[in-house]
């Protein structure tokens, strides 16, 4: 069952990039995004007023404004760059790989931004990941597609927007339920994309069937399928399993794009994707060694392993999973002693499959 769920999750989440490609030829990016988020915001708004009303109690306007800002960065800014890059001709696999470096970049930036130590393993992983992106991008650009060189910078802007959203959310000390954050992010994105579409005269949807096929694809398969399976696997298998699966999105998307849209997929692309996966493996291996060393140290000191791990967690170099923009299902350990302030794990945001 877990294997089937994992396969379904990878497919549903990767479908966001494919859906963006599917709709890019029939309408501007802002039009597609507007009509993707309007029905989603409407459905989630009705659910918030009926089924999940209790989840909103106690949330202050400041918390909701912060969530709106996170949504503007992680959904509006991020998805707009993804869709626009694909509209410009950047392949879906290249876009997915560039966006997939977000956890590695966030982990490296944790040092200067949050004052957390960054290990040599993390820097090595980041270097391998960036090299993989450069190889795949060079292969895509050299395939004779006629895409402007600056179009490959657009996904990088989206990745940085997602990194900014992650750090902004981690600075919050208020736990927000997933359905609440998803609703705020969807409503914010619906407002942003509607305003952009109105300002550019792109509100009216085209009559083509491919456009509405893409909208249904993105809302049903990418959003509810990818997002729902994410939380199901998170509860059944844990955050490490989910984060490992997230790094399969780029190769799966690249193969899918090659089969469905005849996007370039040669030896150089395979090498670049392999470097990206190797980067993740290196960082995960380093994190496992660090975790074993910490546990051994705490056991030798005779401390309670669960409470000690939690209080010491903020001093450790974050791995790929620590900065992925999705809230972990782990509960913080409770202790009678007062802990120093530390960032809260981030809420579920970002990714073409998540909103």
C-alpha atoms as a PDB file:
ATOM      1  CA  UNK A   1       0.000   0.000   0.000  1.00  0.00           C
ATOM      2  CA  UNK A   2       2.793   2.459   0.878  1.00  0.00           C
ATOM      3  CA  UNK A   3       4.500   1.828  -2.470  1.00  0.00           C
ATOM      4  CA  UNK A   4       1.270   2.494  -4.366  1.00  0.00           C
ATOM      5  CA  UNK A   5       0.643   5.669  -2.353  1.00  0.00           C
ATOM      6  CA  UNK A   6       4.186   6.855  -3.019  1.00  0.00           C
ATOM      7  CA  UNK A   7       3.846   6.259  -6.767  1.00  0.00           C
ATOM      8  CA  UNK A   8       0.489   8.076  -6.803  1.00  0.00           C
ATOM      9  CA  UNK A   9       1.935  10.998  -4.827  1.00  0.00           C
ATOM     10  CA  UNK A  10       4.949  11.459  -7.100  1.00  0.00           C
ATOM     11  CA  UNK A  11       2.695  11.330 -10.146  1.00  0.00           C
ATOM     12  CA  UNK A  12       0.092  13.724  -8.737  1.00  0.00           C
ATOM     13  CA  UNK A  13       2.660  16.262  -7.548  1.00  0.00           C
ATOM     14  CA  UNK A  14       4.668  16.134 -10.775  1.00  0.00           C
ATOM     15  CA  UNK A  15       1.456  16.648 -12.715  1.00  0.00           C
ATOM     16  CA  UNK A  16       1.506  20.307 -11.682  1.00  0.00           C
ATOM     17  CA  UNK A  17       4.385  21.025 -14.055  1.00  0.00           C
ATOM     18  CA  UNK A  18       2.722  18.986 -16.808  1.00  0.00           C
ATOM     19  CA  UNK A  19      -0.588  20.785 -16.260  1.00  0.00           C
ATOM     20  CA  UNK A  20       1.179  24.116 -16.592  1.00  0.00           C
ATOM     21  CA  UNK A  21       2.658  22.959 -19.900  1.00  0.00           C
ATOM     22  CA  UNK A  22      -0.724  21.647 -21.017  1.00  0.00           C
ATOM     23  CA  UNK A  23      -2.403  25.011 -20.494  1.00  0.00           C
ATOM     24  CA  UNK A  24       0.467  27.257 -21.587  1.00  0.00           C
ATOM     25  CA  UNK A  25      -0.404  27.072 -25.260  1.00  0.00           C
ATOM     26  CA  UNK A  26      -4.030  28.133 -24.871  1.00  0.00           C
ATOM     27  CA  UNK A  27      -3.886  31.131 -22.521  1.00  0.00           C
ATOM     28  CA  UNK A  28      -1.461  33.456 -20.682  1.00  0.00           C
ATOM     29  CA  UNK A  29      -0.090  32.217 -17.377  1.00  0.00           C
ATOM     30  CA  UNK A  30      -2.135  34.692 -15.310  1.00  0.00           C
ATOM     31  CA  UNK A  31      -5.372  33.562 -16.964  1.00  0.00           C
ATOM     32  CA  UNK A  32      -4.670  29.905 -16.269  1.00  0.00           C
ATOM     33  CA  UNK A  33      -3.678  30.653 -12.676  1.00  0.00           C
ATOM     34  CA  UNK A  34      -6.681  32.880 -12.079  1.00  0.00           C
ATOM     35  CA  UNK A  35      -9.144  30.205 -13.191  1.00  0.00           C
ATOM     36  CA  UNK A  36      -7.222  27.566 -11.289  1.00  0.00           C
ATOM     37  CA  UNK A  37      -7.422  29.446  -7.984  1.00  0.00           C
ATOM     38  CA  UNK A  38     -10.884  31.008  -8.191  1.00  0.00           C
ATOM     39  CA  UNK A  39     -12.806  27.707  -7.899  1.00  0.00           C
ATOM     40  CA  UNK A  40     -10.263  26.390  -5.397  1.00  0.00           C
ATOM     41  CA  UNK A  41     -10.650  29.469  -3.174  1.00  0.00           C
ATOM     42  CA  UNK A  42     -14.449  29.224  -3.427  1.00  0.00           C
ATOM     43  CA  UNK A  43     -14.489  25.555  -2.369  1.00  0.00           C
ATOM     44  CA  UNK A  44     -12.052  26.101   0.485  1.00  0.00           C
ATOM     45  CA  UNK A  45     -13.961  29.205   1.616  1.00  0.00           C
ATOM     46  CA  UNK A  46     -17.179  27.205   1.893  1.00  0.00           C
ATOM     47  CA  UNK A  47     -15.337  24.482   3.820  1.00  0.00           C
ATOM     48  CA  UNK A  48     -13.867  27.101   6.169  1.00  0.00           C
ATOM     49  CA  UNK A  49     -17.329  28.522   6.922  1.00  0.00           C
ATOM     50  CA  UNK A  50     -18.830  25.100   7.598  1.00  0.00           C
ATOM     51  CA  UNK A  51     -16.580  22.121   8.280  1.00  0.00           C
ATOM     52  CA  UNK A  52     -13.388  23.701   9.676  1.00  0.00           C
ATOM     53  CA  UNK A  53     -14.757  26.727  11.537  1.00  0.00           C
ATOM     54  CA  UNK A  54     -13.204  25.554  14.815  1.00  0.00           C
ATOM     55  CA  UNK A  55      -9.714  25.620  13.274  1.00  0.00           C
ATOM     56  CA  UNK A  56      -9.908  29.394  12.849  1.00  0.00           C
ATOM     57  CA  UNK A  57     -10.598  30.198  16.483  1.00  0.00           C
ATOM     58  CA  UNK A  58      -7.896  32.111  18.298  1.00  0.00           C
ATOM     59  CA  UNK A  59      -6.074  33.211  15.148  1.00  0.00           C
ATOM     60  CA  UNK A  60      -5.218  36.912  15.291  1.00  0.00           C
ATOM     61  CA  UNK A  61      -5.253  39.266  12.289  1.00  0.00           C
ATOM     62  CA  UNK A  62      -1.456  39.405  12.509  1.00  0.00           C
ATOM     63  CA  UNK A  63      -1.212  35.630  12.055  1.00  0.00           C
ATOM     64  CA  UNK A  64      -3.573  35.710   9.086  1.00  0.00           C
ATOM     65  CA  UNK A  65      -1.662  38.584   7.474  1.00  0.00           C
ATOM     66  CA  UNK A  66       1.572  36.630   7.863  1.00  0.00           C
ATOM     67  CA  UNK A  67      -0.065  33.597   6.252  1.00  0.00           C
ATOM     68  CA  UNK A  68      -1.284  35.798   3.403  1.00  0.00           C
ATOM     69  CA  UNK A  69       2.282  37.039   2.890  1.00  0.00           C
ATOM     70  CA  UNK A  70       3.579  33.464   2.928  1.00  0.00           C
ATOM     71  CA  UNK A  71       0.913  32.516   0.392  1.00  0.00           C
ATOM     72  CA  UNK A  72       1.793  35.466  -1.846  1.00  0.00           C
ATOM     73  CA  UNK A  73       5.419  34.325  -1.925  1.00  0.00           C
ATOM     74  CA  UNK A  74       5.005  30.555  -1.932  1.00  0.00           C
ATOM     75  CA  UNK A  75       1.999  30.296  -4.222  1.00  0.00           C
ATOM     76  CA  UNK A  76       1.479  33.516  -6.173  1.00  0.00           C
ATOM     77  CA  UNK A  77       5.107  34.433  -6.794  1.00  0.00           C
ATOM     78  CA  UNK A  78       6.359  30.892  -7.100  1.00  0.00           C
ATOM     79  CA  UNK A  79       3.655  29.512  -9.383  1.00  0.00           C
ATOM     80  CA  UNK A  80       3.613  32.599 -11.598  1.00  0.00           C
ATOM     81  CA  UNK A  81       7.315  32.130 -12.354  1.00  0.00           C
ATOM     82  CA  UNK A  82       6.854  28.383 -12.955  1.00  0.00           C
ATOM     83  CA  UNK A  83       3.992  28.919 -15.387  1.00  0.00           C
ATOM     84  CA  UNK A  84       5.656  31.885 -17.083  1.00  0.00           C
ATOM     85  CA  UNK A  85       8.931  29.966 -17.572  1.00  0.00           C
ATOM     86  CA  UNK A  86       7.058  27.065 -19.160  1.00  0.00           C
ATOM     87  CA  UNK A  87       5.071  29.542 -21.276  1.00  0.00           C
ATOM     88  CA  UNK A  88       8.407  30.962 -22.498  1.00  0.00           C
ATOM     89  CA  UNK A  89       9.477  27.494 -23.605  1.00  0.00           C
ATOM     90  CA  UNK A  90      11.596  26.233 -20.707  1.00  0.00           C
ATOM     91  CA  UNK A  91      11.011  22.489 -20.427  1.00  0.00           C
ATOM     92  CA  UNK A  92       8.914  21.193 -17.544  1.00  0.00           C
ATOM     93  CA  UNK A  93      11.758  18.929 -16.362  1.00  0.00           C
ATOM     94  CA  UNK A  94      14.275  21.775 -16.226  1.00  0.00           C
ATOM     95  CA  UNK A  95      11.807  23.954 -14.361  1.00  0.00           C
ATOM     96  CA  UNK A  96      11.112  21.158 -11.870  1.00  0.00           C
ATOM     97  CA  UNK A  97      14.827  20.572 -11.275  1.00  0.00           C
ATOM     98  CA  UNK A  98      15.574  24.256 -10.694  1.00  0.00           C
ATOM     99  CA  UNK A  99      12.686  24.538  -8.259  1.00  0.00           C
ATOM    100  CA  UNK A 100      13.790  21.288  -6.611  1.00  0.00           C
ATOM    101  CA  UNK A 101      16.995  22.905  -5.354  1.00  0.00           C
ATOM    102  CA  UNK A 102      14.953  25.012  -2.901  1.00  0.00           C
ATOM    103  CA  UNK A 103      15.621  22.836   0.175  1.00  0.00           C
ATOM    104  CA  UNK A 104      19.373  22.790  -0.548  1.00  0.00           C
ATOM    105  CA  UNK A 105      19.497  26.578  -1.017  1.00  0.00           C
ATOM    106  CA  UNK A 106      17.394  27.171   2.105  1.00  0.00           C
ATOM    107  CA  UNK A 107      19.642  24.869   4.115  1.00  0.00           C
ATOM    108  CA  UNK A 108      22.738  26.785   2.997  1.00  0.00           C
ATOM    109  CA  UNK A 109      21.123  30.165   3.740  1.00  0.00           C
ATOM    110  CA  UNK A 110      20.173  29.003   7.246  1.00  0.00           C
ATOM    111  CA  UNK A 111      23.649  29.999   8.393  1.00  0.00           C
ATOM    112  CA  UNK A 112      23.623  33.711   7.544  1.00  0.00           C
ATOM    113  CA  UNK A 113      19.852  34.193   8.001  1.00  0.00           C
ATOM    114  CA  UNK A 114      19.082  32.131  11.109  1.00  0.00           C
ATOM    115  CA  UNK A 115      22.519  31.796  12.650  1.00  0.00           C
ATOM    116  CA  UNK A 116      22.488  27.998  12.309  1.00  0.00           C
ATOM    117  CA  UNK A 117      25.696  26.125  11.462  1.00  0.00           C
ATOM    118  CA  UNK A 118      25.944  24.758   7.928  1.00  0.00           C
ATOM    119  CA  UNK A 119      27.992  21.587   7.506  1.00  0.00           C
ATOM    120  CA  UNK A 120      30.483  20.838   4.756  1.00  0.00           C
ATOM    121  CA  UNK A 121      28.169  18.031   3.661  1.00  0.00           C
ATOM    122  CA  UNK A 122      25.403  20.560   3.010  1.00  0.00           C
ATOM    123  CA  UNK A 123      27.717  22.793   0.988  1.00  0.00           C
ATOM    124  CA  UNK A 124      28.858  19.759  -1.013  1.00  0.00           C
ATOM    125  CA  UNK A 125      25.241  18.780  -1.636  1.00  0.00           C
ATOM    126  CA  UNK A 126      24.380  22.311  -2.718  1.00  0.00           C
ATOM    127  CA  UNK A 127      27.349  22.364  -5.087  1.00  0.00           C
ATOM    128  CA  UNK A 128      26.310  19.065  -6.663  1.00  0.00           C
ATOM    129  CA  UNK A 129      22.708  20.263  -6.967  1.00  0.00           C
ATOM    130  CA  UNK A 130      23.698  23.522  -8.651  1.00  0.00           C
ATOM    131  CA  UNK A 131      26.004  21.616 -10.996  1.00  0.00           C
ATOM    132  CA  UNK A 132      23.140  19.302 -11.929  1.00  0.00           C
ATOM    133  CA  UNK A 133      20.897  22.289 -12.647  1.00  0.00           C
ATOM    134  CA  UNK A 134      23.609  23.878 -14.813  1.00  0.00           C
ATOM    135  CA  UNK A 135      24.067  20.654 -16.821  1.00  0.00           C
ATOM    136  CA  UNK A 136      20.333  20.171 -17.444  1.00  0.00           C
ATOM    137  CA  UNK A 137      19.817  23.853 -18.263  1.00  0.00           C
ATOM    138  CA  UNK A 138      22.715  23.786 -20.728  1.00  0.00           C
ATOM    139  CA  UNK A 139      21.261  20.672 -22.368  1.00  0.00           C
ATOM    140  CA  UNK A 140      17.822  22.295 -22.598  1.00  0.00           C
ATOM    141  CA  UNK A 141      19.217  25.560 -23.994  1.00  0.00           C
ATOM    142  CA  UNK A 142      21.394  23.719 -26.517  1.00  0.00           C
ATOM    143  CA  UNK A 143      18.538  21.620 -27.863  1.00  0.00           C
ATOM    144  CA  UNK A 144      17.655  24.239 -30.470  1.00  0.00           C
ATOM    145  CA  UNK A 145      14.311  25.203 -28.917  1.00  0.00           C
ATOM    146  CA  UNK A 146      14.848  28.919 -29.488  1.00  0.00           C
ATOM    147  CA  UNK A 147      14.203  29.826 -25.833  1.00  0.00           C
ATOM    148  CA  UNK A 148      15.796  33.107 -24.726  1.00  0.00           C
ATOM    149  CA  UNK A 149      18.669  32.687 -22.257  1.00  0.00           C
ATOM    150  CA  UNK A 150      17.006  34.901 -19.645  1.00  0.00           C
ATOM    151  CA  UNK A 151      13.947  32.617 -19.562  1.00  0.00           C
ATOM    152  CA  UNK A 152      16.002  30.134 -17.527  1.00  0.00           C
ATOM    153  CA  UNK A 153      16.412  32.760 -14.805  1.00  0.00           C
ATOM    154  CA  UNK A 154      12.644  32.918 -14.247  1.00  0.00           C
ATOM    155  CA  UNK A 155      12.402  29.573 -12.364  1.00  0.00           C
ATOM    156  CA  UNK A 156      15.294  30.721 -10.164  1.00  0.00           C
ATOM    157  CA  UNK A 157      13.221  33.743  -9.126  1.00  0.00           C
ATOM    158  CA  UNK A 158      10.385  31.394  -8.216  1.00  0.00           C
ATOM    159  CA  UNK A 159      12.710  29.168  -6.219  1.00  0.00           C
ATOM    160  CA  UNK A 160      13.995  32.201  -4.286  1.00  0.00           C
ATOM    161  CA  UNK A 161      10.404  33.302  -3.665  1.00  0.00           C
ATOM    162  CA  UNK A 162       9.730  29.895  -2.166  1.00  0.00           C
ATOM    163  CA  UNK A 163      12.859  30.156  -0.004  1.00  0.00           C
ATOM    164  CA  UNK A 164      11.712  33.567   1.262  1.00  0.00           C
ATOM    165  CA  UNK A 165       8.289  32.132   2.110  1.00  0.00           C
ATOM    166  CA  UNK A 166       9.916  29.283   4.015  1.00  0.00           C
ATOM    167  CA  UNK A 167      11.982  31.578   6.229  1.00  0.00           C
ATOM    168  CA  UNK A 168       9.073  33.949   6.782  1.00  0.00           C
ATOM    169  CA  UNK A 169       6.871  31.081   7.908  1.00  0.00           C
ATOM    170  CA  UNK A 170       9.571  29.603  10.149  1.00  0.00           C
ATOM    171  CA  UNK A 171       9.778  32.842  12.105  1.00  0.00           C
ATOM    172  CA  UNK A 172       6.176  32.454  13.207  1.00  0.00           C
ATOM    173  CA  UNK A 173       5.591  30.942  16.645  1.00  0.00           C
ATOM    174  CA  UNK A 174       1.910  30.193  16.002  1.00  0.00           C
ATOM    175  CA  UNK A 175       0.930  26.768  14.725  1.00  0.00           C
ATOM    176  CA  UNK A 176      -1.619  27.107  11.923  1.00  0.00           C
ATOM    177  CA  UNK A 177      -3.620  24.082  10.822  1.00  0.00           C
ATOM    178  CA  UNK A 178      -2.951  22.900   7.257  1.00  0.00           C
ATOM    179  CA  UNK A 179      -6.508  23.555   6.034  1.00  0.00           C
ATOM    180  CA  UNK A 180      -6.376  27.103   7.410  1.00  0.00           C
ATOM    181  CA  UNK A 181      -3.054  27.916   5.774  1.00  0.00           C
ATOM    182  CA  UNK A 182      -4.140  26.307   2.507  1.00  0.00           C
ATOM    183  CA  UNK A 183      -7.347  28.358   2.495  1.00  0.00           C
ATOM    184  CA  UNK A 184      -5.548  31.644   3.216  1.00  0.00           C
ATOM    185  CA  UNK A 185      -2.946  30.921   0.553  1.00  0.00           C
ATOM    186  CA  UNK A 186      -5.566  29.969  -2.039  1.00  0.00           C
ATOM    187  CA  UNK A 187      -7.708  33.057  -1.367  1.00  0.00           C
ATOM    188  CA  UNK A 188      -4.619  35.287  -1.490  1.00  0.00           C
ATOM    189  CA  UNK A 189      -3.497  33.760  -4.781  1.00  0.00           C
ATOM    190  CA  UNK A 190      -6.983  34.025  -6.261  1.00  0.00           C
ATOM    191  CA  UNK A 191      -7.000  37.737  -5.418  1.00  0.00           C
ATOM    192  CA  UNK A 192      -3.460  38.316  -6.767  1.00  0.00           C
ATOM    193  CA  UNK A 193      -3.994  36.466 -10.032  1.00  0.00           C
ATOM    194  CA  UNK A 194      -7.420  38.019 -10.624  1.00  0.00           C
ATOM    195  CA  UNK A 195      -5.920  41.483 -10.118  1.00  0.00           C
ATOM    196  CA  UNK A 196      -3.038  40.693 -12.494  1.00  0.00           C
ATOM    197  CA  UNK A 197      -5.394  39.253 -15.103  1.00  0.00           C
ATOM    198  CA  UNK A 198      -7.661  42.294 -14.876  1.00  0.00           C
ATOM    199  CA  UNK A 199      -4.700  44.675 -15.170  1.00  0.00           C
ATOM    200  CA  UNK A 200      -3.416  42.911 -18.283  1.00  0.00           C
ATOM    201  CA  UNK A 201      -6.819  42.334 -19.896  1.00  0.00           C
ATOM    202  CA  UNK A 202      -6.530  38.560 -19.590  1.00  0.00           C
ATOM    203  CA  UNK A 203      -9.555  37.755 -17.428  1.00  0.00           C
ATOM    204  CA  UNK A 204     -11.719  36.088 -20.086  1.00  0.00           C
ATOM    205  CA  UNK A 205     -10.866  32.398 -20.466  1.00  0.00           C
ATOM    206  CA  UNK A 206     -10.428  30.963 -23.950  1.00  0.00           C
ATOM    207  CA  UNK A 207     -13.084  28.671 -25.352  1.00  0.00           C
ATOM    208  CA  UNK A 208     -10.587  25.921 -26.162  1.00  0.00           C
ATOM    209  CA  UNK A 209     -11.096  22.577 -24.525  1.00  0.00           C
ATOM    210  CA  UNK A 210      -7.384  22.258 -23.743  1.00  0.00           C
ATOM    211  CA  UNK A 211      -7.586  25.238 -21.388  1.00  0.00           C
ATOM    212  CA  UNK A 212     -10.392  23.775 -19.298  1.00  0.00           C
ATOM    213  CA  UNK A 213      -8.744  20.374 -19.401  1.00  0.00           C
ATOM    214  CA  UNK A 214      -5.649  21.985 -17.902  1.00  0.00           C
ATOM    215  CA  UNK A 215      -7.724  23.765 -15.221  1.00  0.00           C
ATOM    216  CA  UNK A 216      -9.491  20.555 -14.180  1.00  0.00           C
ATOM    217  CA  UNK A 217      -6.167  18.713 -14.309  1.00  0.00           C
ATOM    218  CA  UNK A 218      -4.508  21.253 -12.003  1.00  0.00           C
ATOM    219  CA  UNK A 219      -7.357  21.580  -9.494  1.00  0.00           C
ATOM    220  CA  UNK A 220      -8.268  17.902  -9.176  1.00  0.00           C
ATOM    221  CA  UNK A 221      -5.040  16.004  -9.837  1.00  0.00           C
ATOM    222  CA  UNK A 222      -2.342  18.460  -8.819  1.00  0.00           C
ATOM    223  CA  UNK A 223      -3.980  20.291  -5.916  1.00  0.00           C
ATOM    224  CA  UNK A 224      -6.319  17.864  -4.196  1.00  0.00           C
ATOM    225  CA  UNK A 225      -4.486  14.735  -5.369  1.00  0.00           C
ATOM    226  CA  UNK A 226      -0.950  15.905  -4.634  1.00  0.00           C
ATOM    227  CA  UNK A 227      -1.807  17.816  -1.471  1.00  0.00           C
ATOM    228  CA  UNK A 228      -4.062  15.110  -0.046  1.00  0.00           C
ATOM    229  CA  UNK A 229      -1.570  12.314  -0.706  1.00  0.00           C
ATOM    230  CA  UNK A 230       1.192  14.452   0.818  1.00  0.00           C
ATOM    231  CA  UNK A 231      -0.565  14.587   4.180  1.00  0.00           C
ATOM    232  CA  UNK A 232      -1.658  10.965   4.028  1.00  0.00           C
ATOM    233  CA  UNK A 233       1.911   9.727   3.453  1.00  0.00           C
ATOM    234  CA  UNK A 234       3.235  12.188   6.029  1.00  0.00           C
ATOM    235  CA  UNK A 235       0.999  10.699   8.709  1.00  0.00           C
ATOM    236  CA  UNK A 236       1.658   7.085   7.673  1.00  0.00           C
ATOM    237  CA  UNK A 237       5.394   7.194   6.985  1.00  0.00           C
ATOM    238  CA  UNK A 238       6.825  10.430   8.368  1.00  0.00           C
ATOM    239  CA  UNK A 239       8.482  13.558   7.038  1.00  0.00           C
ATOM    240  CA  UNK A 240      11.697  11.844   5.876  1.00  0.00           C
ATOM    241  CA  UNK A 241       9.784   9.594   3.493  1.00  0.00           C
ATOM    242  CA  UNK A 242       7.858  12.548   2.047  1.00  0.00           C
ATOM    243  CA  UNK A 243      10.959  14.673   1.562  1.00  0.00           C
ATOM    244  CA  UNK A 244      12.747  11.802  -0.158  1.00  0.00           C
ATOM    245  CA  UNK A 245       9.838  11.395  -2.565  1.00  0.00           C
ATOM    246  CA  UNK A 246       9.850  15.141  -3.307  1.00  0.00           C
ATOM    247  CA  UNK A 247      13.252  14.812  -4.945  1.00  0.00           C
ATOM    248  CA  UNK A 248      11.918  12.296  -7.436  1.00  0.00           C
ATOM    249  CA  UNK A 249       9.725  15.006  -8.977  1.00  0.00           C
ATOM    250  CA  UNK A 250      12.366  16.410 -11.335  1.00  0.00           C
ATOM    251  CA  UNK A 251      13.308  13.142 -13.104  1.00  0.00           C
ATOM    252  CA  UNK A 252       9.688  11.996 -13.260  1.00  0.00           C
ATOM    253  CA  UNK A 253       8.613  15.348 -14.709  1.00  0.00           C
ATOM    254  CA  UNK A 254      11.467  15.286 -17.225  1.00  0.00           C
ATOM    255  CA  UNK A 255      10.498  11.824 -18.483  1.00  0.00           C
ATOM    256  CA  UNK A 256       6.792  12.755 -18.514  1.00  0.00           C
ATOM    257  CA  UNK A 257       7.493  15.958 -20.451  1.00  0.00           C
ATOM    258  CA  UNK A 258       9.618  14.080 -22.987  1.00  0.00           C
ATOM    259  CA  UNK A 259       6.901  11.482 -23.582  1.00  0.00           C
ATOM    260  CA  UNK A 260       3.931  13.861 -23.626  1.00  0.00           C
ATOM    261  CA  UNK A 261       5.406  16.998 -25.234  1.00  0.00           C
ATOM    262  CA  UNK A 262       8.546  15.641 -26.932  1.00  0.00           C
ATOM    263  CA  UNK A 263      10.765  17.786 -24.699  1.00  0.00           C
ATOM    264  CA  UNK A 264      14.511  17.267 -24.957  1.00  0.00           C
ATOM    265  CA  UNK A 265      15.790  14.334 -22.892  1.00  0.00           C
ATOM    266  CA  UNK A 266      19.308  13.282 -23.819  1.00  0.00           C
ATOM    267  CA  UNK A 267      22.424  11.956 -22.104  1.00  0.00           C
ATOM    268  CA  UNK A 268      23.312  15.381 -20.716  1.00  0.00           C
ATOM    269  CA  UNK A 269      19.851  15.653 -19.139  1.00  0.00           C
ATOM    270  CA  UNK A 270      20.272  12.239 -17.519  1.00  0.00           C
ATOM    271  CA  UNK A 271      23.675  13.268 -16.103  1.00  0.00           C
ATOM    272  CA  UNK A 272      22.255  16.487 -14.676  1.00  0.00           C
ATOM    273  CA  UNK A 273      19.300  14.745 -13.066  1.00  0.00           C
ATOM    274  CA  UNK A 274      21.660  12.116 -11.612  1.00  0.00           C
ATOM    275  CA  UNK A 275      23.793  14.876 -10.080  1.00  0.00           C
ATOM    276  CA  UNK A 276      20.651  16.380  -8.528  1.00  0.00           C
ATOM    277  CA  UNK A 277      19.684  13.052  -6.958  1.00  0.00           C
ATOM    278  CA  UNK A 278      23.273  12.523  -5.791  1.00  0.00           C
ATOM    279  CA  UNK A 279      23.187  15.931  -4.089  1.00  0.00           C
ATOM    280  CA  UNK A 280      20.129  14.893  -2.098  1.00  0.00           C
ATOM    281  CA  UNK A 281      21.678  11.534  -1.205  1.00  0.00           C
ATOM    282  CA  UNK A 282      24.858  13.245   0.051  1.00  0.00           C
ATOM    283  CA  UNK A 283      22.949  15.667   2.276  1.00  0.00           C
ATOM    284  CA  UNK A 284      20.634  12.953   3.621  1.00  0.00           C
ATOM    285  CA  UNK A 285      23.620  10.730   4.429  1.00  0.00           C
ATOM    286  CA  UNK A 286      25.301  13.573   6.282  1.00  0.00           C
ATOM    287  CA  UNK A 287      22.119  14.250   8.231  1.00  0.00           C
ATOM    288  CA  UNK A 288      21.813  10.605   9.257  1.00  0.00           C
ATOM    289  CA  UNK A 289      25.380  10.627  10.589  1.00  0.00           C
ATOM    290  CA  UNK A 290      24.714  13.877  12.470  1.00  0.00           C
ATOM    291  CA  UNK A 291      21.518  12.460  13.965  1.00  0.00           C
ATOM    292  CA  UNK A 292      23.250   9.272  15.117  1.00  0.00           C
ATOM    293  CA  UNK A 293      26.058  11.314  16.691  1.00  0.00           C
ATOM    294  CA  UNK A 294      23.540  13.498  18.523  1.00  0.00           C
ATOM    295  CA  UNK A 295      21.583  10.508  19.789  1.00  0.00           C
ATOM    296  CA  UNK A 296      24.769   8.795  20.953  1.00  0.00           C
ATOM    297  CA  UNK A 297      25.870  11.963  22.717  1.00  0.00           C
ATOM    298  CA  UNK A 298      22.518  12.367  24.472  1.00  0.00           C
ATOM    299  CA  UNK A 299      22.439   8.689  25.481  1.00  0.00           C
ATOM    300  CA  UNK A 300      25.887   8.992  27.011  1.00  0.00           C
ATOM    301  CA  UNK A 301      24.804  12.041  28.964  1.00  0.00           C
ATOM    302  CA  UNK A 302      21.766  10.168  30.275  1.00  0.00           C
ATOM    303  CA  UNK A 303      19.277  12.724  28.963  1.00  0.00           C
ATOM    304  CA  UNK A 304      15.745  11.950  27.820  1.00  0.00           C
ATOM    305  CA  UNK A 305      16.271  11.281  24.115  1.00  0.00           C
ATOM    306  CA  UNK A 306      12.998  12.776  22.846  1.00  0.00           C
ATOM    307  CA  UNK A 307      13.109  15.994  24.831  1.00  0.00           C
ATOM    308  CA  UNK A 308      16.836  16.485  24.350  1.00  0.00           C
ATOM    309  CA  UNK A 309      16.619  15.962  20.590  1.00  0.00           C
ATOM    310  CA  UNK A 310      13.869  18.529  20.315  1.00  0.00           C
ATOM    311  CA  UNK A 311      15.608  21.196  22.367  1.00  0.00           C
ATOM    312  CA  UNK A 312      18.890  20.617  20.543  1.00  0.00           C
ATOM    313  CA  UNK A 313      17.289  20.530  17.108  1.00  0.00           C
ATOM    314  CA  UNK A 314      17.554  24.267  16.516  1.00  0.00           C
ATOM    315  CA  UNK A 315      21.347  24.105  16.864  1.00  0.00           C
ATOM    316  CA  UNK A 316      21.853  21.530  14.125  1.00  0.00           C
ATOM    317  CA  UNK A 317      22.432  22.113  10.442  1.00  0.00           C
ATOM    318  CA  UNK A 318      19.082  21.702   8.701  1.00  0.00           C
ATOM    319  CA  UNK A 319      18.894  19.056   6.005  1.00  0.00           C
ATOM    320  CA  UNK A 320      16.728  19.110   2.902  1.00  0.00           C
ATOM    321  CA  UNK A 321      13.641  18.179   4.822  1.00  0.00           C
ATOM    322  CA  UNK A 322      14.092  20.774   7.546  1.00  0.00           C
ATOM    323  CA  UNK A 323      13.445  23.677   5.223  1.00  0.00           C
ATOM    324  CA  UNK A 324      10.952  22.242   2.831  1.00  0.00           C
ATOM    325  CA  UNK A 325       7.925  24.544   2.911  1.00  0.00           C
ATOM    326  CA  UNK A 326       5.567  22.084   4.544  1.00  0.00           C
ATOM    327  CA  UNK A 327       4.736  21.681   8.193  1.00  0.00           C
ATOM    328  CA  UNK A 328       5.983  18.499   9.787  1.00  0.00           C
ATOM    329  CA  UNK A 329       3.511  16.279  11.591  1.00  0.00           C
ATOM    330  CA  UNK A 330       5.941  15.972  14.482  1.00  0.00           C
ATOM    331  CA  UNK A 331       4.698  17.410  17.761  1.00  0.00           C
ATOM    332  CA  UNK A 332       7.120  19.511  19.722  1.00  0.00           C
ATOM    333  CA  UNK A 333       8.195  17.873  22.956  1.00  0.00           C
ATOM    334  CA  UNK A 334       6.794  19.426  26.081  1.00  0.00           C
ATOM    335  CA  UNK A 335       9.092  20.287  28.949  1.00  0.00           C
ATOM    336  CA  UNK A 336       8.720  22.093  32.229  1.00  0.00           C
ATOM    337  CA  UNK A 337      11.807  24.155  31.456  1.00  0.00           C
ATOM    338  CA  UNK A 338      11.511  27.213  29.256  1.00  0.00           C
ATOM    339  CA  UNK A 339      13.185  26.770  25.883  1.00  0.00           C
ATOM    340  CA  UNK A 340      14.821  29.559  23.926  1.00  0.00           C
ATOM    341  CA  UNK A 341      12.811  30.854  21.038  1.00  0.00           C
ATOM    342  CA  UNK A 342      13.280  28.870  17.856  1.00  0.00           C
ATOM    343  CA  UNK A 343      11.600  28.858  14.462  1.00  0.00           C
ATOM    344  CA  UNK A 344       8.533  26.725  13.964  1.00  0.00           C
ATOM    345  CA  UNK A 345       8.580  24.224  11.115  1.00  0.00           C
ATOM    346  CA  UNK A 346       7.044  25.646   8.002  1.00  0.00           C
ATOM    347  CA  UNK A 347       3.510  25.147   6.787  1.00  0.00           C
ATOM    348  CA  UNK A 348       2.529  23.332   3.584  1.00  0.00           C
ATOM    349  CA  UNK A 349       3.161  25.724   0.714  1.00  0.00           C
ATOM    350  CA  UNK A 350       4.516  25.835  -2.733  1.00  0.00           C
ATOM    351  CA  UNK A 351       4.941  23.378  -5.524  1.00  0.00           C
ATOM    352  CA  UNK A 352       2.701  23.155  -8.536  1.00  0.00           C
ATOM    353  CA  UNK A 353       1.060  20.198  -6.883  1.00  0.00           C
ATOM    354  CA  UNK A 354       0.238  21.860  -3.615  1.00  0.00           C
ATOM    355  CA  UNK A 355      -1.967  24.754  -4.452  1.00  0.00           C
END
